[in-house]
Amino acid sequence: MPRGRPRRLGGHELVEQLNTTVAALIKENRKLKRQNEALSTRASKGSSGNVDRSLRGIQKRVQKALTAPARRRRRKRGAATATAERTTRRKRAA
């Protein structure tokens, strides 16, 4: 597979991809809700801390699936790098 930037999707392709992604998230959310209900039922019948741990894990997965991934930001250049670059430009101009 070639490296570099992924191909930008057009309007129709982007909508199709988003619909597919949303459908997958909804399906996973339903599954996790069913698991949550089953574990809650077990927890109410007097179980151990394992159920609580499982519930917290499911809750984390649901939150992670619902939140958008953070966009990466470009790293700002440090002062030393900027100074060295200015010096190089001066030498080239001279």
C-alpha atoms as a PDB file:
ATOM      1  CA  MET A   1       0.000   0.000   0.000  1.00  0.00           C
ATOM      2  CA  PRO A   2       1.473   3.387  -0.890  1.00  0.00           C
ATOM      3  CA  ARG A   3       2.431   5.719   1.895  1.00  0.00           C
ATOM      4  CA  GLY A   4       1.483   9.350   2.209  1.00  0.00           C
ATOM      5  CA  ARG A   5      -1.816  11.097   2.428  1.00  0.00           C
ATOM      6  CA  PRO A   6      -4.958   9.062   2.029  1.00  0.00           C
ATOM      7  CA  ARG A   7      -7.122   9.893  -0.956  1.00  0.00           C
ATOM      8  CA  ARG A   8      -9.776  12.520  -0.217  1.00  0.00           C
ATOM      9  CA  LEU A   9     -13.276  11.218  -0.638  1.00  0.00           C
ATOM     10  CA  GLY A  10     -15.837  13.009  -2.763  1.00  0.00           C
ATOM     11  CA  GLY A  11     -19.251  14.085  -1.459  1.00  0.00           C
ATOM     12  CA  HIS A  12     -21.175  10.897  -2.243  1.00  0.00           C
ATOM     13  CA  GLU A  13     -18.350   8.573  -1.149  1.00  0.00           C
ATOM     14  CA  LEU A  14     -17.895  10.514   2.086  1.00  0.00           C
ATOM     15  CA  VAL A  15     -21.596  10.294   2.919  1.00  0.00           C
ATOM     16  CA  GLU A  16     -21.563   6.546   2.216  1.00  0.00           C
ATOM     17  CA  GLN A  17     -18.537   6.041   4.459  1.00  0.00           C
ATOM     18  CA  LEU A  18     -20.086   8.118   7.250  1.00  0.00           C
ATOM     19  CA  ASN A  19     -23.378   6.199   6.989  1.00  0.00           C
ATOM     20  CA  THR A  20     -21.497   2.921   7.260  1.00  0.00           C
ATOM     21  CA  THR A  21     -19.509   4.159  10.254  1.00  0.00           C
ATOM     22  CA  VAL A  22     -22.599   5.486  12.030  1.00  0.00           C
ATOM     23  CA  ALA A  23     -24.467   2.220  11.400  1.00  0.00           C
ATOM     24  CA  ALA A  24     -21.549   0.249  12.870  1.00  0.00           C
ATOM     25  CA  LEU A  25     -21.440   2.514  15.941  1.00  0.00           C
ATOM     26  CA  ILE A  26     -25.193   2.167  16.477  1.00  0.00           C
ATOM     27  CA  LYS A  27     -24.932  -1.622  16.189  1.00  0.00           C
ATOM     28  CA  GLU A  28     -22.043  -1.730  18.669  1.00  0.00           C
ATOM     29  CA  ASN A  29     -23.877   0.623  21.023  1.00  0.00           C
ATOM     30  CA  ARG A  30     -26.925  -1.678  21.053  1.00  0.00           C
ATOM     31  CA  LYS A  31     -24.714  -4.686  21.758  1.00  0.00           C
ATOM     32  CA  LEU A  32     -22.949  -2.895  24.600  1.00  0.00           C
ATOM     33  CA  LYS A  33     -26.261  -1.761  26.078  1.00  0.00           C
ATOM     34  CA  ARG A  34     -27.474  -5.376  26.090  1.00  0.00           C
ATOM     35  CA  GLN A  35     -24.249  -6.444  27.820  1.00  0.00           C
ATOM     36  CA  ASN A  36     -24.640  -3.619  30.304  1.00  0.00           C
ATOM     37  CA  GLU A  37     -28.195  -4.658  31.157  1.00  0.00           C
ATOM     38  CA  ALA A  38     -27.183  -8.300  31.559  1.00  0.00           C
ATOM     39  CA  LEU A  39     -24.311  -7.380  33.859  1.00  0.00           C
ATOM     40  CA  SER A  40     -26.496  -4.976  35.827  1.00  0.00           C
ATOM     41  CA  THR A  41     -29.018  -7.755  36.354  1.00  0.00           C
ATOM     42  CA  ARG A  42     -26.270 -10.044  37.595  1.00  0.00           C
ATOM     43  CA  ALA A  43     -24.916  -7.290  39.837  1.00  0.00           C
ATOM     44  CA  SER A  44     -28.295  -6.785  41.495  1.00  0.00           C
ATOM     45  CA  LYS A  45     -28.393 -10.496  42.359  1.00  0.00           C
ATOM     46  CA  GLY A  46     -25.418 -10.065  44.669  1.00  0.00           C
ATOM     47  CA  SER A  47     -22.206 -10.528  42.752  1.00  0.00           C
ATOM     48  CA  SER A  48     -18.602  -9.520  43.234  1.00  0.00           C
ATOM     49  CA  GLY A  49     -16.426  -6.626  42.071  1.00  0.00           C
ATOM     50  CA  ASN A  50     -15.795  -8.367  38.734  1.00  0.00           C
ATOM     51  CA  VAL A  51     -19.169  -7.185  37.463  1.00  0.00           C
ATOM     52  CA  ASP A  52     -18.414  -3.615  38.503  1.00  0.00           C
ATOM     53  CA  ARG A  53     -15.108  -3.795  36.659  1.00  0.00           C
ATOM     54  CA  SER A  54     -16.842  -5.166  33.565  1.00  0.00           C
ATOM     55  CA  LEU A  55     -19.442  -2.407  33.680  1.00  0.00           C
ATOM     56  CA  ARG A  56     -16.743   0.266  33.905  1.00  0.00           C
ATOM     57  CA  GLY A  57     -14.936  -1.287  30.953  1.00  0.00           C
ATOM     58  CA  ILE A  58     -18.084  -1.287  28.849  1.00  0.00           C
ATOM     59  CA  GLN A  59     -18.819   2.290  29.840  1.00  0.00           C
ATOM     60  CA  LYS A  60     -15.319   3.349  28.754  1.00  0.00           C
ATOM     61  CA  ARG A  61     -15.717   1.616  25.386  1.00  0.00           C
ATOM     62  CA  VAL A  62     -19.064   3.311  24.784  1.00  0.00           C
ATOM     63  CA  GLN A  63     -17.633   6.728  25.651  1.00  0.00           C
ATOM     64  CA  LYS A  64     -14.622   6.130  23.410  1.00  0.00           C
ATOM     65  CA  ALA A  65     -16.848   5.074  20.505  1.00  0.00           C
ATOM     66  CA  LEU A  66     -19.070   8.132  20.892  1.00  0.00           C
ATOM     67  CA  THR A  67     -16.342  10.756  21.151  1.00  0.00           C
ATOM     68  CA  ALA A  68     -14.624  11.977  18.014  1.00  0.00           C
ATOM     69  CA  PRO A  69     -10.889  11.311  17.762  1.00  0.00           C
ATOM     70  CA  ALA A  70      -8.751  14.318  18.618  1.00  0.00           C
ATOM     71  CA  ARG A  71      -7.209  16.042  15.636  1.00  0.00           C
ATOM     72  CA  ARG A  72      -3.452  16.083  15.566  1.00  0.00           C
ATOM     73  CA  ARG A  73      -1.761  19.428  15.620  1.00  0.00           C
ATOM     74  CA  ARG A  74       1.519  20.267  14.014  1.00  0.00           C
ATOM     75  CA  ARG A  75       4.387  20.608  16.396  1.00  0.00           C
ATOM     76  CA  LYS A  76       5.530  24.164  16.902  1.00  0.00           C
ATOM     77  CA  ARG A  77       9.171  24.828  16.229  1.00  0.00           C
ATOM     78  CA  GLY A  78      11.386  25.632  19.158  1.00  0.00           C
ATOM     79  CA  ALA A  79      13.305  28.904  19.465  1.00  0.00           C
ATOM     80  CA  ALA A  80      16.647  27.202  18.727  1.00  0.00           C
ATOM     81  CA  THR A  81      15.384  25.778  15.440  1.00  0.00           C
ATOM     82  CA  ALA A  82      13.960  29.115  14.306  1.00  0.00           C
ATOM     83  CA  THR A  83      17.218  30.939  15.169  1.00  0.00           C
ATOM     84  CA  ALA A  84      19.340  28.406  13.263  1.00  0.00           C
ATOM     85  CA  GLU A  85      17.055  28.701  10.247  1.00  0.00           C
ATOM     86  CA  ARG A  86      17.306  32.510  10.229  1.00  0.00           C
ATOM     87  CA  THR A  87      21.101  32.281  10.393  1.00  0.00           C
ATOM     88  CA  THR A  88      21.153  29.835   7.470  1.00  0.00           C
ATOM     89  CA  ARG A  89      18.974  32.164   5.391  1.00  0.00           C
ATOM     90  CA  ARG A  90      21.332  35.078   6.064  1.00  0.00           C
ATOM     91  CA  LYS A  91      24.341  33.043   4.988  1.00  0.00           C
ATOM     92  CA  ARG A  92      22.629  32.017   1.756  1.00  0.00           C
ATOM     93  CA  ALA A  93      21.626  35.592   0.977  1.00  0.00           C
ATOM     94  CA  ALA A  94      25.170  36.871   1.494  1.00  0.00           C
END
